[in-house]
Amino acid sequence: SLFLSVSQVEAALRYWERRALIVKLSDNPPRYRFYSALQQAMRQGTPLETDGSFVAFSENVYALFEDRRKITPSEISLAWEWVEEVGLSQEVVLMLLSHCITQRGVQFALKNAEPLAVRMKEENVIGCDDADVFLRHEQAVHDGAKKVLARMGKRRKATEDELNLYRKWTKEWGFDRDGILNACVEMTKGDPSFAYLDKILEGIRRRSDGKATTPEKVERFLKGEKDAVS
């Protein structure tokens, strides 16, 4: 047994269908006709019509990973769905894959990148310039979260939940990286964590009316509160 899920099998079949090596005959039950490469070339004297755009995209994905990792047909089909179903351009999807290789390592699971693809669509990432701005911010999120973990004495990658909190702190609440790091001094009780820091930053934001966001302002605000009660 290959221990593949139904969705993985279906994705692989869609891949070979686009490469014109199989033809779907019916949906219920699903029936296919398979062709070898030679049969494809000789069928009625002409090759079967392939999805040229998909084939070119597949080759670009293979080139992106080179020989560092074997990409399966179902993974190619999943990435192609971000083009056809999510609505990203091929160039943007390739930039997304390259970003994930850098951030998560070449063995990352493509399905775990799908929420990022959806968010890029929701934030109206259209062209390569949009993608560059979006992915640079994502890089800053990963780098910032890593520094927060280091400040907490933890040597590991941030979880997706932790990254989402960091995005909220910077994008919604307006804190910069060093402002967040300066707030870490307030984690004096129990085990430091992103959830703990979230409450601290929420309190600073509320009590300062959202004005204490930079490192200097956070430090000055916290010192002012301590001086007021001393």
C-alpha atoms as a PDB file:
ATOM      1  CA  SER A   1       0.000   0.000   0.000  1.00  0.00           C
ATOM      2  CA  LEU A   2       1.193   3.555  -0.775  1.00  0.00           C
ATOM      3  CA  PHE A   3      -0.789   5.006   2.148  1.00  0.00           C
ATOM      4  CA  LEU A   4      -2.117   7.853  -0.012  1.00  0.00           C
ATOM      5  CA  SER A   5      -5.248   9.777   0.852  1.00  0.00           C
ATOM      6  CA  VAL A   6      -8.150  10.042  -1.592  1.00  0.00           C
ATOM      7  CA  SER A   7      -7.307  13.715  -2.209  1.00  0.00           C
ATOM      8  CA  GLN A   8      -3.685  12.846  -3.018  1.00  0.00           C
ATOM      9  CA  VAL A   9      -4.762  10.190  -5.508  1.00  0.00           C
ATOM     10  CA  GLU A  10      -7.251  12.565  -7.134  1.00  0.00           C
ATOM     11  CA  ALA A  11      -4.594  15.296  -7.372  1.00  0.00           C
ATOM     12  CA  ALA A  12      -2.152  12.892  -9.001  1.00  0.00           C
ATOM     13  CA  LEU A  13      -4.789  11.831 -11.527  1.00  0.00           C
ATOM     14  CA  ARG A  14      -5.491  15.484 -12.364  1.00  0.00           C
ATOM     15  CA  TYR A  15      -1.784  15.993 -12.914  1.00  0.00           C
ATOM     16  CA  TRP A  16      -1.469  13.138 -15.433  1.00  0.00           C
ATOM     17  CA  GLU A  17      -4.725  14.188 -17.067  1.00  0.00           C
ATOM     18  CA  ARG A  18      -3.238  17.636 -17.709  1.00  0.00           C
ATOM     19  CA  ARG A  19      -0.137  15.979 -19.084  1.00  0.00           C
ATOM     20  CA  ALA A  20      -2.452  14.084 -21.467  1.00  0.00           C
ATOM     21  CA  LEU A  21      -1.296  10.631 -20.391  1.00  0.00           C
ATOM     22  CA  ILE A  22      -4.745   9.715 -19.085  1.00  0.00           C
ATOM     23  CA  VAL A  23      -8.252  10.622 -20.216  1.00  0.00           C
ATOM     24  CA  LYS A  24     -11.203  10.692 -17.842  1.00  0.00           C
ATOM     25  CA  LEU A  25     -14.089   8.650 -19.253  1.00  0.00           C
ATOM     26  CA  SER A  26     -16.657   9.092 -16.486  1.00  0.00           C
ATOM     27  CA  ASP A  27     -17.112  10.712 -13.079  1.00  0.00           C
ATOM     28  CA  ASN A  28     -19.332   8.238 -11.261  1.00  0.00           C
ATOM     29  CA  PRO A  29     -17.748   5.822 -10.994  1.00  0.00           C
ATOM     30  CA  PRO A  30     -14.447   7.489 -11.955  1.00  0.00           C
ATOM     31  CA  ARG A  31     -12.984   5.725 -15.000  1.00  0.00           C
ATOM     32  CA  TYR A  32      -9.817   6.586 -16.899  1.00  0.00           C
ATOM     33  CA  ARG A  33      -8.023   5.477 -20.020  1.00  0.00           C
ATOM     34  CA  PHE A  34      -4.242   5.415 -19.718  1.00  0.00           C
ATOM     35  CA  TYR A  35      -1.803   6.111 -22.541  1.00  0.00           C
ATOM     36  CA  SER A  36       1.918   5.504 -22.666  1.00  0.00           C
ATOM     37  CA  ALA A  37       4.087   8.301 -24.071  1.00  0.00           C
ATOM     38  CA  LEU A  38       4.371   6.332 -27.326  1.00  0.00           C
ATOM     39  CA  GLN A  39       0.592   5.876 -27.538  1.00  0.00           C
ATOM     40  CA  GLN A  40       0.177   9.571 -26.917  1.00  0.00           C
ATOM     41  CA  ALA A  41       2.428  10.440 -29.840  1.00  0.00           C
ATOM     42  CA  MET A  42       0.889   7.924 -32.212  1.00  0.00           C
ATOM     43  CA  ARG A  43      -2.782   8.302 -31.302  1.00  0.00           C
ATOM     44  CA  GLN A  44      -4.529   9.036 -34.598  1.00  0.00           C
ATOM     45  CA  GLY A  45      -1.214  10.304 -35.926  1.00  0.00           C
ATOM     46  CA  THR A  46      -1.172  13.351 -33.616  1.00  0.00           C
ATOM     47  CA  PRO A  47      -0.261  13.871 -29.967  1.00  0.00           C
ATOM     48  CA  LEU A  48      -2.985  14.434 -27.421  1.00  0.00           C
ATOM     49  CA  GLU A  49      -3.595  18.060 -26.566  1.00  0.00           C
ATOM     50  CA  THR A  50      -1.866  18.938 -23.317  1.00  0.00           C
ATOM     51  CA  ASP A  51      -2.379  21.853 -20.974  1.00  0.00           C
ATOM     52  CA  GLY A  52       0.684  23.823 -22.081  1.00  0.00           C
ATOM     53  CA  SER A  53       0.422  26.377 -19.309  1.00  0.00           C
ATOM     54  CA  PHE A  54       0.288  23.639 -16.685  1.00  0.00           C
ATOM     55  CA  VAL A  55       3.214  21.790 -18.252  1.00  0.00           C
ATOM     56  CA  ALA A  56       5.348  24.954 -18.219  1.00  0.00           C
ATOM     57  CA  PHE A  57       4.349  25.621 -14.599  1.00  0.00           C
ATOM     58  CA  SER A  58       5.284  22.042 -13.643  1.00  0.00           C
ATOM     59  CA  GLU A  59       8.719  22.406 -15.182  1.00  0.00           C
ATOM     60  CA  ASN A  60       9.270  25.671 -13.324  1.00  0.00           C
ATOM     61  CA  VAL A  61       8.356  24.030  -9.998  1.00  0.00           C
ATOM     62  CA  TYR A  62      10.689  21.115 -10.685  1.00  0.00           C
ATOM     63  CA  ALA A  63      13.470  23.602 -11.507  1.00  0.00           C
ATOM     64  CA  LEU A  64      12.799  25.474  -8.264  1.00  0.00           C
ATOM     65  CA  PHE A  65      13.386  22.381  -6.143  1.00  0.00           C
ATOM     66  CA  GLU A  66      16.064  20.918  -8.472  1.00  0.00           C
ATOM     67  CA  ASP A  67      17.455  17.678  -7.078  1.00  0.00           C
ATOM     68  CA  ARG A  68      17.082  18.736  -3.462  1.00  0.00           C
ATOM     69  CA  ARG A  69      13.668  17.145  -3.159  1.00  0.00           C
ATOM     70  CA  LYS A  70      11.391  14.931  -5.205  1.00  0.00           C
ATOM     71  CA  ILE A  71       8.148  16.729  -5.997  1.00  0.00           C
ATOM     72  CA  THR A  72       5.135  14.487  -6.538  1.00  0.00           C
ATOM     73  CA  PRO A  73       2.381  14.977  -9.131  1.00  0.00           C
ATOM     74  CA  SER A  74      -0.143  15.597  -6.358  1.00  0.00           C
ATOM     75  CA  GLU A  75       2.021  18.424  -4.974  1.00  0.00           C
ATOM     76  CA  ILE A  76       2.284  20.001  -8.423  1.00  0.00           C
ATOM     77  CA  SER A  77      -1.501  19.789  -8.762  1.00  0.00           C
ATOM     78  CA  LEU A  78      -1.973  21.393  -5.354  1.00  0.00           C
ATOM     79  CA  ALA A  79       0.255  24.335  -6.295  1.00  0.00           C
ATOM     80  CA  TRP A  80      -1.609  24.640  -9.613  1.00  0.00           C
ATOM     81  CA  GLU A  81      -4.892  24.899  -7.715  1.00  0.00           C
ATOM     82  CA  TRP A  82      -3.536  28.102  -6.162  1.00  0.00           C
ATOM     83  CA  VAL A  83      -3.431  29.420  -9.727  1.00  0.00           C
ATOM     84  CA  GLU A  84      -6.763  28.075 -10.963  1.00  0.00           C
ATOM     85  CA  GLU A  85      -8.897  28.104  -7.822  1.00  0.00           C
ATOM     86  CA  VAL A  86      -7.302  30.657  -5.469  1.00  0.00           C
ATOM     87  CA  GLY A  87      -6.568  33.032  -8.342  1.00  0.00           C
ATOM     88  CA  LEU A  88      -2.852  33.808  -7.949  1.00  0.00           C
ATOM     89  CA  SER A  89      -0.614  34.212 -10.975  1.00  0.00           C
ATOM     90  CA  GLN A  90       1.916  31.495 -11.774  1.00  0.00           C
ATOM     91  CA  GLU A  91       4.776  33.904 -11.038  1.00  0.00           C
ATOM     92  CA  VAL A  92       3.351  34.735  -7.609  1.00  0.00           C
ATOM     93  CA  VAL A  93       2.936  31.039  -6.735  1.00  0.00           C
ATOM     94  CA  LEU A  94       6.563  30.375  -7.692  1.00  0.00           C
ATOM     95  CA  MET A  95       7.656  33.290  -5.474  1.00  0.00           C
ATOM     96  CA  LEU A  96       5.552  31.847  -2.638  1.00  0.00           C
ATOM     97  CA  LEU A  97       7.189  28.426  -3.040  1.00  0.00           C
ATOM     98  CA  SER A  98      10.650  29.990  -3.059  1.00  0.00           C
ATOM     99  CA  HIS A  99       9.794  31.913   0.121  1.00  0.00           C
ATOM    100  CA  CYS A 100       8.627  28.711   1.841  1.00  0.00           C
ATOM    101  CA  ILE A 101      11.816  26.900   0.849  1.00  0.00           C
ATOM    102  CA  THR A 102      13.819  29.700   2.497  1.00  0.00           C
ATOM    103  CA  GLN A 103      11.687  29.895   5.631  1.00  0.00           C
ATOM    104  CA  ARG A 104      10.707  26.279   6.210  1.00  0.00           C
ATOM    105  CA  GLY A 105      13.348  24.240   4.416  1.00  0.00           C
ATOM    106  CA  VAL A 106      13.122  22.356   1.148  1.00  0.00           C
ATOM    107  CA  GLN A 107      11.107  19.502   2.710  1.00  0.00           C
ATOM    108  CA  PHE A 108       8.189  21.708   3.769  1.00  0.00           C
ATOM    109  CA  ALA A 109       4.678  20.340   3.226  1.00  0.00           C
ATOM    110  CA  LEU A 110       3.008  22.258   0.406  1.00  0.00           C
ATOM    111  CA  LYS A 111      -0.414  21.861   2.021  1.00  0.00           C
ATOM    112  CA  ASN A 112       0.853  23.926   4.967  1.00  0.00           C
ATOM    113  CA  ALA A 113       1.572  26.812   2.584  1.00  0.00           C
ATOM    114  CA  GLU A 114      -2.012  26.926   1.326  1.00  0.00           C
ATOM    115  CA  PRO A 115      -3.246  29.339   4.060  1.00  0.00           C
ATOM    116  CA  LEU A 116      -0.492  31.734   2.985  1.00  0.00           C
ATOM    117  CA  ALA A 117      -1.626  31.474  -0.646  1.00  0.00           C
ATOM    118  CA  VAL A 118      -5.197  32.254   0.396  1.00  0.00           C
ATOM    119  CA  ARG A 119      -4.063  35.224   2.490  1.00  0.00           C
ATOM    120  CA  MET A 120      -2.092  36.597  -0.466  1.00  0.00           C
ATOM    121  CA  LYS A 121      -5.284  36.510  -2.519  1.00  0.00           C
ATOM    122  CA  GLU A 122      -7.289  38.144   0.279  1.00  0.00           C
ATOM    123  CA  GLU A 123      -4.701  40.944   0.476  1.00  0.00           C
ATOM    124  CA  ASN A 124      -4.971  41.484  -3.279  1.00  0.00           C
ATOM    125  CA  VAL A 125      -1.473  40.327  -4.196  1.00  0.00           C
ATOM    126  CA  ILE A 126      -1.596  40.471  -7.981  1.00  0.00           C
ATOM    127  CA  GLY A 127       1.812  40.965  -9.533  1.00  0.00           C
ATOM    128  CA  CYS A 128       5.412  40.226  -8.609  1.00  0.00           C
ATOM    129  CA  ASP A 129       5.878  43.649  -6.977  1.00  0.00           C
ATOM    130  CA  ASP A 130       2.887  43.015  -4.696  1.00  0.00           C
ATOM    131  CA  ALA A 131       4.229  39.569  -3.872  1.00  0.00           C
ATOM    132  CA  ASP A 132       7.673  40.987  -3.088  1.00  0.00           C
ATOM    133  CA  VAL A 133       6.213  43.475  -0.579  1.00  0.00           C
ATOM    134  CA  PHE A 134       3.986  40.810   0.997  1.00  0.00           C
ATOM    135  CA  LEU A 135       6.761  38.228   1.281  1.00  0.00           C
ATOM    136  CA  ARG A 136       9.244  40.764   2.648  1.00  0.00           C
ATOM    137  CA  HIS A 137       6.768  41.450   5.438  1.00  0.00           C
ATOM    138  CA  GLU A 138       6.416  37.707   5.992  1.00  0.00           C
ATOM    139  CA  GLN A 139      10.202  37.479   6.232  1.00  0.00           C
ATOM    140  CA  ALA A 140      10.163  40.246   8.836  1.00  0.00           C
ATOM    141  CA  VAL A 141       7.448  38.376  10.770  1.00  0.00           C
ATOM    142  CA  HIS A 142       9.530  35.173  10.865  1.00  0.00           C
ATOM    143  CA  ASP A 143      12.707  37.046  11.805  1.00  0.00           C
ATOM    144  CA  GLY A 144      10.926  39.048  14.505  1.00  0.00           C
ATOM    145  CA  ALA A 145       9.204  36.020  16.009  1.00  0.00           C
ATOM    146  CA  LYS A 146      12.567  34.227  16.073  1.00  0.00           C
ATOM    147  CA  LYS A 147      14.087  37.116  18.056  1.00  0.00           C
ATOM    148  CA  VAL A 148      11.194  37.037  20.510  1.00  0.00           C
ATOM    149  CA  LEU A 149      11.724  33.311  21.044  1.00  0.00           C
ATOM    150  CA  ALA A 150      15.444  33.899  21.562  1.00  0.00           C
ATOM    151  CA  ARG A 151      14.610  36.593  24.122  1.00  0.00           C
ATOM    152  CA  MET A 152      12.488  33.978  25.902  1.00  0.00           C
ATOM    153  CA  GLY A 153      15.435  31.553  25.830  1.00  0.00           C
ATOM    154  CA  LYS A 154      13.732  29.191  23.380  1.00  0.00           C
ATOM    155  CA  ARG A 155      15.661  27.722  20.450  1.00  0.00           C
ATOM    156  CA  ARG A 156      13.031  26.599  17.947  1.00  0.00           C
ATOM    157  CA  LYS A 157      10.979  27.905  15.069  1.00  0.00           C
ATOM    158  CA  ALA A 158       7.812  29.849  15.784  1.00  0.00           C
ATOM    159  CA  THR A 159       4.536  28.007  15.398  1.00  0.00           C
ATOM    160  CA  GLU A 160       1.846  29.296  13.047  1.00  0.00           C
ATOM    161  CA  ASP A 161      -0.196  30.504  16.028  1.00  0.00           C
ATOM    162  CA  GLU A 162       2.813  32.446  17.317  1.00  0.00           C
ATOM    163  CA  LEU A 163       3.419  33.953  13.868  1.00  0.00           C
ATOM    164  CA  ASN A 164      -0.228  35.044  13.741  1.00  0.00           C
ATOM    165  CA  LEU A 165       0.171  36.810  17.085  1.00  0.00           C
ATOM    166  CA  TYR A 166       3.304  38.571  15.827  1.00  0.00           C
ATOM    167  CA  ARG A 167       1.427  39.676  12.695  1.00  0.00           C
ATOM    168  CA  LYS A 168      -1.316  41.113  14.905  1.00  0.00           C
ATOM    169  CA  TRP A 169       1.169  43.000  17.096  1.00  0.00           C
ATOM    170  CA  THR A 170       2.927  44.595  14.114  1.00  0.00           C
ATOM    171  CA  LYS A 171       0.203  44.996  11.511  1.00  0.00           C
ATOM    172  CA  GLU A 172      -2.906  45.656  13.600  1.00  0.00           C
ATOM    173  CA  TRP A 173      -1.464  47.154  16.777  1.00  0.00           C
ATOM    174  CA  GLY A 174       1.486  49.024  15.223  1.00  0.00           C
ATOM    175  CA  PHE A 175       4.310  47.760  17.441  1.00  0.00           C
ATOM    176  CA  ASP A 176       7.741  47.557  15.857  1.00  0.00           C
ATOM    177  CA  ARG A 177      10.109  44.667  16.512  1.00  0.00           C
ATOM    178  CA  ASP A 178      12.245  46.353  19.157  1.00  0.00           C
ATOM    179  CA  GLY A 179       9.180  47.747  20.899  1.00  0.00           C
ATOM    180  CA  ILE A 180       7.920  44.176  21.265  1.00  0.00           C
ATOM    181  CA  LEU A 181      11.314  43.032  22.549  1.00  0.00           C
ATOM    182  CA  ASN A 182      11.371  45.829  25.140  1.00  0.00           C
ATOM    183  CA  ALA A 183       7.975  44.684  26.418  1.00  0.00           C
ATOM    184  CA  CYS A 184       9.440  41.258  27.162  1.00  0.00           C
ATOM    185  CA  VAL A 185      10.896  42.615  30.415  1.00  0.00           C
ATOM    186  CA  GLU A 186       7.370  42.451  31.848  1.00  0.00           C
ATOM    187  CA  MET A 187       7.287  38.648  31.609  1.00  0.00           C
ATOM    188  CA  THR A 188       8.378  38.108  35.195  1.00  0.00           C
ATOM    189  CA  LYS A 189       5.856  35.509  36.319  1.00  0.00           C
ATOM    190  CA  GLY A 190       5.777  31.921  35.104  1.00  0.00           C
ATOM    191  CA  ASP A 191       7.032  30.577  31.789  1.00  0.00           C
ATOM    192  CA  PRO A 192       7.453  33.275  29.107  1.00  0.00           C
ATOM    193  CA  SER A 193       5.261  32.658  26.066  1.00  0.00           C
ATOM    194  CA  PHE A 194       3.668  34.448  23.139  1.00  0.00           C
ATOM    195  CA  ALA A 195       0.287  34.260  24.890  1.00  0.00           C
ATOM    196  CA  TYR A 196       1.797  35.878  27.978  1.00  0.00           C
ATOM    197  CA  LEU A 197       3.438  38.601  25.857  1.00  0.00           C
ATOM    198  CA  ASP A 198       0.163  39.137  23.986  1.00  0.00           C
ATOM    199  CA  LYS A 199      -1.554  40.131  27.227  1.00  0.00           C
ATOM    200  CA  ILE A 200       1.313  42.462  28.127  1.00  0.00           C
ATOM    201  CA  LEU A 201       1.221  44.209  24.746  1.00  0.00           C
ATOM    202  CA  GLU A 202      -2.565  44.426  24.889  1.00  0.00           C
ATOM    203  CA  GLY A 203      -2.274  46.189  28.236  1.00  0.00           C
ATOM    204  CA  ILE A 204       0.418  48.603  27.025  1.00  0.00           C
ATOM    205  CA  ARG A 205      -1.665  49.407  23.950  1.00  0.00           C
ATOM    206  CA  ARG A 206      -4.806  50.032  26.006  1.00  0.00           C
ATOM    207  CA  ARG A 207      -3.175  52.090  28.763  1.00  0.00           C
ATOM    208  CA  SER A 208      -1.111  54.216  26.350  1.00  0.00           C
ATOM    209  CA  ASP A 209      -3.995  54.730  23.909  1.00  0.00           C
ATOM    210  CA  GLY A 210      -1.927  52.948  21.267  1.00  0.00           C
ATOM    211  CA  LYS A 211       0.903  55.507  21.433  1.00  0.00           C
ATOM    212  CA  ALA A 212       3.648  53.337  22.983  1.00  0.00           C
ATOM    213  CA  THR A 213       4.787  51.229  20.016  1.00  0.00           C
ATOM    214  CA  THR A 214       8.481  52.002  19.438  1.00  0.00           C
ATOM    215  CA  PRO A 215      11.246  50.743  21.766  1.00  0.00           C
ATOM    216  CA  GLU A 216      11.847  54.187  23.281  1.00  0.00           C
ATOM    217  CA  LYS A 217       8.142  54.836  23.888  1.00  0.00           C
ATOM    218  CA  VAL A 218       7.530  51.365  25.344  1.00  0.00           C
ATOM    219  CA  GLU A 219      10.495  51.732  27.684  1.00  0.00           C
ATOM    220  CA  ARG A 220       9.462  55.260  28.708  1.00  0.00           C
ATOM    221  CA  PHE A 221       5.836  54.189  29.239  1.00  0.00           C
ATOM    222  CA  LEU A 222       6.738  51.209  31.418  1.00  0.00           C
ATOM    223  CA  LYS A 223       9.216  53.293  33.444  1.00  0.00           C
ATOM    224  CA  GLY A 224       6.574  55.983  33.901  1.00  0.00           C
ATOM    225  CA  GLU A 225       4.088  53.451  35.275  1.00  0.00           C
ATOM    226  CA  LYS A 226       6.695  52.060  37.704  1.00  0.00           C
ATOM    227  CA  ASP A 227       7.660  55.549  38.865  1.00  0.00           C
ATOM    228  CA  ALA A 228       4.000  56.404  39.443  1.00  0.00           C
ATOM    229  CA  VAL A 229       3.525  53.559  41.926  1.00  0.00           C
ATOM    230  CA  SER A 230       6.892  53.873  43.678  1.00  0.00           C
END
